[in-house]
């Protein structure tokens, strides 16, 4: 995607995260995040989102995959009252990679009463 397309449509590039673009129109806002040849976007106004999709469809060959379910190792579950993000599938892949699928799960990765020290001898 050409960054100039977003700039021509009055999207502002975030100075801290260069792949994030924001467009504000009064109280309404839309966020666009670019990653290689993918983009995700969200906002609080359905009309603004539809207008963004139309601009992108005119400029680029684009496939609308609907609501995001999985992106960059993150699973996304969307309900009408909120969004839940988890990495269960990624964690399972890591366990498989290191042949740890049969390990015993624990709520804490170490003993809760252990005292840590920056010194090698433990003092």
Protein backbone atom coordinates (compact mmCIF):
# COMPACT_ATOMS: atom_id res chain seq x y z
CA UNK A 1 0.00 0.00 0.00
CA UNK A 2 1.24 3.45 -0.84
CA UNK A 3 1.47 5.67 2.21
CA UNK A 4 0.59 8.61 -0.03
CA UNK A 5 -2.92 7.17 -0.49
CA UNK A 6 -3.59 7.48 3.23
CA UNK A 7 -2.02 10.93 3.36
CA UNK A 8 -4.11 12.08 0.39
CA UNK A 9 -7.23 11.01 2.29
CA UNK A 10 -6.20 13.15 5.30
CA UNK A 11 -5.02 10.33 7.54
CA UNK A 12 -2.34 11.36 10.01
CA UNK A 13 0.63 9.09 10.58
CA UNK A 14 1.29 8.41 14.25
CA UNK A 15 4.68 9.90 15.19
CA UNK A 16 5.40 7.06 17.64
CA UNK A 17 4.18 4.07 15.62
CA UNK A 18 4.83 4.68 11.93
CA UNK A 19 2.54 1.90 10.68
CA UNK A 20 -0.47 3.45 12.44
CA UNK A 21 -2.66 6.06 10.75
CA UNK A 22 -5.52 7.97 12.33
CA UNK A 23 -8.33 10.03 10.87
CA UNK A 24 -10.57 12.16 13.08
CA UNK A 25 -13.80 13.71 11.95
CA UNK A 26 -15.40 15.49 14.87
CA UNK A 27 -16.04 12.84 17.53
CA UNK A 28 -15.55 10.03 15.02
CA UNK A 29 -12.22 8.31 14.53
CA UNK A 30 -10.76 5.50 12.44
CA UNK A 31 -7.45 3.70 13.07
CA UNK A 32 -5.53 1.91 10.30
CA UNK A 33 -2.53 -0.32 10.97
CA UNK A 34 -0.34 -1.52 8.09
CA UNK A 35 1.77 -4.66 8.16
CA UNK A 36 3.62 -5.58 4.96
CA UNK A 37 0.70 -6.09 2.52
CA UNK A 38 -2.03 -6.44 5.16
CA UNK A 39 -3.99 -3.82 6.98
CA UNK A 40 -6.42 -3.82 9.85
CA UNK A 41 -8.72 -0.99 10.73
CA UNK A 42 -11.30 -0.08 13.31
CA UNK A 43 -13.29 2.93 14.34
CA UNK A 44 -16.37 4.17 16.09
CA UNK A 45 -18.38 5.13 12.98
CA UNK A 46 -19.59 2.54 10.45
CA UNK A 47 -19.96 5.16 7.68
CA UNK A 48 -16.34 6.27 8.09
CA UNK A 49 -15.20 2.64 7.94
CA UNK A 50 -17.26 1.99 4.78
CA UNK A 51 -15.86 5.15 3.15
CA UNK A 52 -12.33 3.95 3.95
CA UNK A 53 -13.06 0.54 2.40
CA UNK A 54 -14.40 2.18 -0.77
CA UNK A 55 -11.28 4.32 -1.17
CA UNK A 56 -9.07 1.26 -0.70
CA UNK A 57 -11.09 -0.82 -3.20
CA UNK A 58 -10.73 1.90 -5.84
CA UNK A 59 -6.99 2.23 -5.30
CA UNK A 60 -5.96 -1.39 -4.66
CA UNK A 61 -7.01 -4.96 -5.26
CA UNK A 62 -8.47 -5.67 -1.84
CA UNK A 63 -10.23 -8.55 -0.14
CA UNK A 64 -12.45 -7.75 2.82
CA UNK A 65 -12.13 -10.68 5.23
CA UNK A 66 -14.74 -9.31 7.63
CA UNK A 67 -14.19 -9.16 11.35
CA UNK A 68 -10.66 -10.02 12.39
CA UNK A 69 -10.24 -13.46 13.93
CA UNK A 70 -6.47 -14.05 13.76
CA UNK A 71 -3.61 -11.64 13.03
CA UNK A 72 0.15 -11.94 13.64
CA UNK A 73 -0.22 -14.68 16.22
CA UNK A 74 -3.09 -12.97 18.03
CA UNK A 75 -6.52 -14.55 18.21
CA UNK A 76 -9.31 -12.00 18.35
CA UNK A 77 -12.80 -12.73 19.65
CA UNK A 78 -15.30 -9.93 19.11
CA UNK A 79 -18.59 -9.54 20.95
CA UNK A 80 -21.05 -6.68 20.85
CA UNK A 81 -19.85 -5.50 24.27
CA UNK A 82 -16.09 -5.92 23.79
CA UNK A 83 -13.05 -7.50 22.17
CA UNK A 84 -10.92 -10.27 23.69
CA UNK A 85 -7.36 -10.89 22.45
CA UNK A 86 -5.45 -14.07 23.28
CA UNK A 87 -2.45 -16.09 22.11
CA UNK A 88 -3.58 -19.64 22.89
CA UNK A 89 -2.78 -20.98 19.40
CA UNK A 90 0.68 -19.38 19.49
CA UNK A 91 1.39 -20.88 22.92
CA UNK A 92 0.35 -24.31 21.64
CA UNK A 93 2.68 -23.94 18.63
CA UNK A 94 5.59 -23.07 20.95
CA UNK A 95 4.83 -26.11 23.14
CA UNK A 96 4.75 -28.36 20.06
CA UNK A 97 8.00 -26.89 18.71
CA UNK A 98 9.86 -27.66 21.95
CA UNK A 99 8.11 -31.00 22.49
CA UNK A 100 6.41 -29.84 25.69
CA UNK A 101 2.77 -30.63 24.87
CA UNK A 102 2.60 -33.20 27.67
CA UNK A 103 4.06 -30.94 30.37
CA UNK A 104 2.04 -30.16 33.49
CA UNK A 105 0.48 -26.70 33.40
CA UNK A 106 0.87 -24.42 36.42
CA UNK A 107 -0.64 -21.06 37.26
CA UNK A 108 2.78 -19.61 38.20
CA UNK A 109 5.97 -20.48 36.28
CA UNK A 110 8.01 -20.62 39.52
CA UNK A 111 7.48 -21.15 43.21
CA UNK A 112 5.59 -18.14 44.64
CA UNK A 113 7.77 -17.89 47.80
CA UNK A 114 11.15 -17.92 46.01
CA UNK A 115 13.34 -14.84 46.55
CA UNK A 116 15.21 -13.57 43.51
CA UNK A 117 18.56 -11.82 43.67
CA UNK A 118 20.74 -10.11 41.09
CA UNK A 119 23.80 -11.72 42.66
CA UNK A 120 25.00 -15.13 41.47
CA UNK A 121 25.39 -16.57 45.00
CA UNK A 122 21.74 -15.84 45.86
CA UNK A 123 22.37 -13.22 48.57
